[in-house]
Amino acid sequence: QVQLVESGGGLVQPGGSLRLSCAASGFTFSNYAMSWYRLAPGKERELVATITSGGSTYYADSQKGRFTISRDNAKNTVYLQMNSLKPEDTAVYYCNVDLNHAGVLSSYWGQGTQVTVSS
């Protein structure tokens, strides 16, 4: 079955950096786009970044220039490097993949990893 396991969250001071990892299994990782979302208290879930199977990347405006998404197909892992972190980046960060099974699109999520930016 599909599994997405995030790691790397924690408490960091404003201006600091974290690298999140998402280890994937149960599907052909290299064939699919992978995304990071985040959910902050009192806010709607927000797309942070996406990387396609070919390595093209997309970022939400608030993350451009600070966050970098990357993937290692040999390790079935997607990363999110977060620099210059701000208190408003505090959220639970989730890894996501949308898979097409016989024409039916299914969305899979990890358990999330908490990122807290605070002094």
C-alpha atoms as a PDB file:
ATOM      1  CA  GLN A   1       0.000   0.000   0.000  1.00  0.00           C
ATOM      2  CA  VAL A   2       0.992   3.603  -0.471  1.00  0.00           C
ATOM      3  CA  GLN A   3       2.929   5.084   2.419  1.00  0.00           C
ATOM      4  CA  LEU A   4       4.328   8.565   2.877  1.00  0.00           C
ATOM      5  CA  VAL A   5       6.433   9.192   5.977  1.00  0.00           C
ATOM      6  CA  GLU A   6       7.568  12.731   6.756  1.00  0.00           C
ATOM      7  CA  SER A   7      10.426  13.657   9.042  1.00  0.00           C
ATOM      8  CA  GLY A   8      12.656  16.588   9.860  1.00  0.00           C
ATOM      9  CA  GLY A   9      10.290  18.982  11.579  1.00  0.00           C
ATOM     10  CA  GLY A  10      11.051  20.723  14.824  1.00  0.00           C
ATOM     11  CA  LEU A  11      11.489  24.010  16.627  1.00  0.00           C
ATOM     12  CA  VAL A  12      13.658  26.616  14.957  1.00  0.00           C
ATOM     13  CA  GLN A  13      14.318  30.301  15.561  1.00  0.00           C
ATOM     14  CA  PRO A  14      13.234  32.905  13.019  1.00  0.00           C
ATOM     15  CA  GLY A  15      15.770  33.076  10.220  1.00  0.00           C
ATOM     16  CA  GLY A  16      16.765  29.460  10.723  1.00  0.00           C
ATOM     17  CA  SER A  17      16.571  26.481   8.395  1.00  0.00           C
ATOM     18  CA  LEU A  18      15.069  23.014   8.349  1.00  0.00           C
ATOM     19  CA  ARG A  19      15.026  20.218   5.807  1.00  0.00           C
ATOM     20  CA  LEU A  20      11.957  18.034   5.661  1.00  0.00           C
ATOM     21  CA  SER A  21      12.021  14.573   4.134  1.00  0.00           C
ATOM     22  CA  CYS A  22       9.216  12.364   2.859  1.00  0.00           C
ATOM     23  CA  ALA A  23       9.979   8.698   2.252  1.00  0.00           C
ATOM     24  CA  ALA A  24       7.528   7.124  -0.183  1.00  0.00           C
ATOM     25  CA  SER A  25       6.641   3.502  -0.879  1.00  0.00           C
ATOM     26  CA  GLY A  26       3.950   1.435  -2.534  1.00  0.00           C
ATOM     27  CA  PHE A  27       4.059   3.086  -5.960  1.00  0.00           C
ATOM     28  CA  THR A  28       6.537   3.901  -8.718  1.00  0.00           C
ATOM     29  CA  PHE A  29       7.890   7.063  -7.159  1.00  0.00           C
ATOM     30  CA  SER A  30       9.775   8.343 -10.194  1.00  0.00           C
ATOM     31  CA  ASN A  31       6.587   8.453 -12.284  1.00  0.00           C
ATOM     32  CA  TYR A  32       4.674  10.934 -10.138  1.00  0.00           C
ATOM     33  CA  ALA A  33       4.689  14.540  -9.081  1.00  0.00           C
ATOM     34  CA  MET A  34       5.128  15.072  -5.349  1.00  0.00           C
ATOM     35  CA  SER A  35       3.924  17.990  -3.280  1.00  0.00           C
ATOM     36  CA  TRP A  36       4.297  19.551   0.133  1.00  0.00           C
ATOM     37  CA  TYR A  37       1.318  21.174   1.820  1.00  0.00           C
ATOM     38  CA  ARG A  38       0.994  22.820   5.184  1.00  0.00           C
ATOM     39  CA  LEU A  39      -1.805  23.389   7.662  1.00  0.00           C
ATOM     40  CA  ALA A  40      -1.580  26.119  10.258  1.00  0.00           C
ATOM     41  CA  PRO A  41      -4.034  26.587  13.140  1.00  0.00           C
ATOM     42  CA  GLY A  42      -7.084  28.500  12.020  1.00  0.00           C
ATOM     43  CA  LYS A  43      -6.053  28.463   8.373  1.00  0.00           C
ATOM     44  CA  GLU A  44      -6.871  26.375   5.325  1.00  0.00           C
ATOM     45  CA  ARG A  45      -4.473  23.807   3.956  1.00  0.00           C
ATOM     46  CA  GLU A  46      -1.992  25.492   1.650  1.00  0.00           C
ATOM     47  CA  LEU A  47       0.113  24.137  -1.193  1.00  0.00           C
ATOM     48  CA  VAL A  48       3.763  24.897  -0.490  1.00  0.00           C
ATOM     49  CA  ALA A  49       5.613  23.360  -3.418  1.00  0.00           C
ATOM     50  CA  THR A  50       5.370  20.703  -6.118  1.00  0.00           C
ATOM     51  CA  ILE A  51       7.995  18.826  -8.090  1.00  0.00           C
ATOM     52  CA  THR A  52       7.019  16.936 -11.222  1.00  0.00           C
ATOM     53  CA  SER A  53       8.321  13.554 -12.291  1.00  0.00           C
ATOM     54  CA  GLY A  54      10.645  15.398 -14.653  1.00  0.00           C
ATOM     55  CA  GLY A  55      11.986  17.655 -11.930  1.00  0.00           C
ATOM     56  CA  SER A  56      10.119  20.863 -12.722  1.00  0.00           C
ATOM     57  CA  THR A  57       9.174  22.807  -9.625  1.00  0.00           C
ATOM     58  CA  TYR A  58       6.376  25.103  -8.504  1.00  0.00           C
ATOM     59  CA  TYR A  59       6.263  27.261  -5.395  1.00  0.00           C
ATOM     60  CA  ALA A  60       3.590  29.275  -3.684  1.00  0.00           C
ATOM     61  CA  ASP A  61       4.433  32.973  -3.794  1.00  0.00           C
ATOM     62  CA  SER A  62       5.148  33.224  -0.074  1.00  0.00           C
ATOM     63  CA  GLN A  63       7.826  30.514  -0.341  1.00  0.00           C
ATOM     64  CA  LYS A  64       9.607  31.583  -3.511  1.00  0.00           C
ATOM     65  CA  GLY A  65      13.269  32.172  -2.894  1.00  0.00           C
ATOM     66  CA  ARG A  66      13.175  30.652   0.602  1.00  0.00           C
ATOM     67  CA  PHE A  67      12.074  27.055   0.066  1.00  0.00           C
ATOM     68  CA  THR A  68      13.485  24.448  -2.314  1.00  0.00           C
ATOM     69  CA  ILE A  69      11.776  21.193  -3.213  1.00  0.00           C
ATOM     70  CA  SER A  70      13.855  18.340  -4.583  1.00  0.00           C
ATOM     71  CA  ARG A  71      13.609  14.608  -5.093  1.00  0.00           C
ATOM     72  CA  ASP A  72      15.891  11.602  -5.061  1.00  0.00           C
ATOM     73  CA  ASN A  73      14.280   8.885  -7.160  1.00  0.00           C
ATOM     74  CA  ALA A  74      16.897   6.343  -6.105  1.00  0.00           C
ATOM     75  CA  LYS A  75      15.790   6.808  -2.493  1.00  0.00           C
ATOM     76  CA  ASN A  76      12.077   7.343  -3.210  1.00  0.00           C
ATOM     77  CA  THR A  77      12.315  10.526  -1.179  1.00  0.00           C
ATOM     78  CA  VAL A  78      11.195  14.101  -1.659  1.00  0.00           C
ATOM     79  CA  TYR A  79      12.729  16.947   0.321  1.00  0.00           C
ATOM     80  CA  LEU A  80      11.768  20.451   1.310  1.00  0.00           C
ATOM     81  CA  GLN A  81      14.662  22.712   2.234  1.00  0.00           C
ATOM     82  CA  MET A  82      13.323  25.693   4.162  1.00  0.00           C
ATOM     83  CA  ASN A  83      15.530  28.712   4.745  1.00  0.00           C
ATOM     84  CA  SER A  84      14.919  32.129   6.300  1.00  0.00           C
ATOM     85  CA  LEU A  85      12.046  30.705   8.269  1.00  0.00           C
ATOM     86  CA  LYS A  86       9.419  33.059   9.652  1.00  0.00           C
ATOM     87  CA  PRO A  87       6.923  32.612  12.498  1.00  0.00           C
ATOM     88  CA  GLU A  88       4.164  32.475   9.896  1.00  0.00           C
ATOM     89  CA  ASP A  89       5.753  29.314   8.494  1.00  0.00           C
ATOM     90  CA  THR A  90       4.671  27.511  11.661  1.00  0.00           C
ATOM     91  CA  ALA A  91       2.414  24.647  10.594  1.00  0.00           C
ATOM     92  CA  VAL A  92       2.125  20.915  10.168  1.00  0.00           C
ATOM     93  CA  TYR A  93       3.746  20.025   6.864  1.00  0.00           C
ATOM     94  CA  TYR A  94       2.341  17.154   4.818  1.00  0.00           C
ATOM     95  CA  CYS A  95       3.692  15.195   1.879  1.00  0.00           C
ATOM     96  CA  ASN A  96       1.213  14.392  -0.890  1.00  0.00           C
ATOM     97  CA  VAL A  97       0.931  12.340  -4.034  1.00  0.00           C
ATOM     98  CA  ASP A  98      -2.043  11.936  -6.374  1.00  0.00           C
ATOM     99  CA  LEU A  99      -2.171   8.530  -8.056  1.00  0.00           C
ATOM    100  CA  ASN A 100      -4.299   7.430 -10.985  1.00  0.00           C
ATOM    101  CA  HIS A 101      -5.642   3.892 -10.597  1.00  0.00           C
ATOM    102  CA  ALA A 102      -7.606   2.807 -13.682  1.00  0.00           C
ATOM    103  CA  GLY A 103      -8.853   6.317 -14.269  1.00  0.00           C
ATOM    104  CA  VAL A 104      -9.656   7.043 -10.632  1.00  0.00           C
ATOM    105  CA  LEU A 105      -7.571   9.741  -8.989  1.00  0.00           C
ATOM    106  CA  SER A 106      -6.688   9.063  -5.367  1.00  0.00           C
ATOM    107  CA  SER A 107      -4.841  11.438  -3.076  1.00  0.00           C
ATOM    108  CA  TYR A 108      -2.449  10.129  -0.442  1.00  0.00           C
ATOM    109  CA  TRP A 109      -1.029  11.969   2.560  1.00  0.00           C
ATOM    110  CA  GLY A 110       1.603  11.398   5.167  1.00  0.00           C
ATOM    111  CA  GLN A 111       1.036  11.835   8.872  1.00  0.00           C
ATOM    112  CA  GLY A 112       2.616  15.284   8.868  1.00  0.00           C
ATOM    113  CA  THR A 113       5.573  16.820  10.643  1.00  0.00           C
ATOM    114  CA  GLN A 114       5.315  19.853  12.903  1.00  0.00           C
ATOM    115  CA  VAL A 115       7.408  22.918  12.133  1.00  0.00           C
ATOM    116  CA  THR A 116       7.457  25.641  14.772  1.00  0.00           C
ATOM    117  CA  VAL A 117       9.287  28.904  14.145  1.00  0.00           C
ATOM    118  CA  SER A 118       9.662  30.840  17.356  1.00  0.00           C
ATOM    119  CA  SER A 119      12.236  32.659  19.434  1.00  0.00           C
END
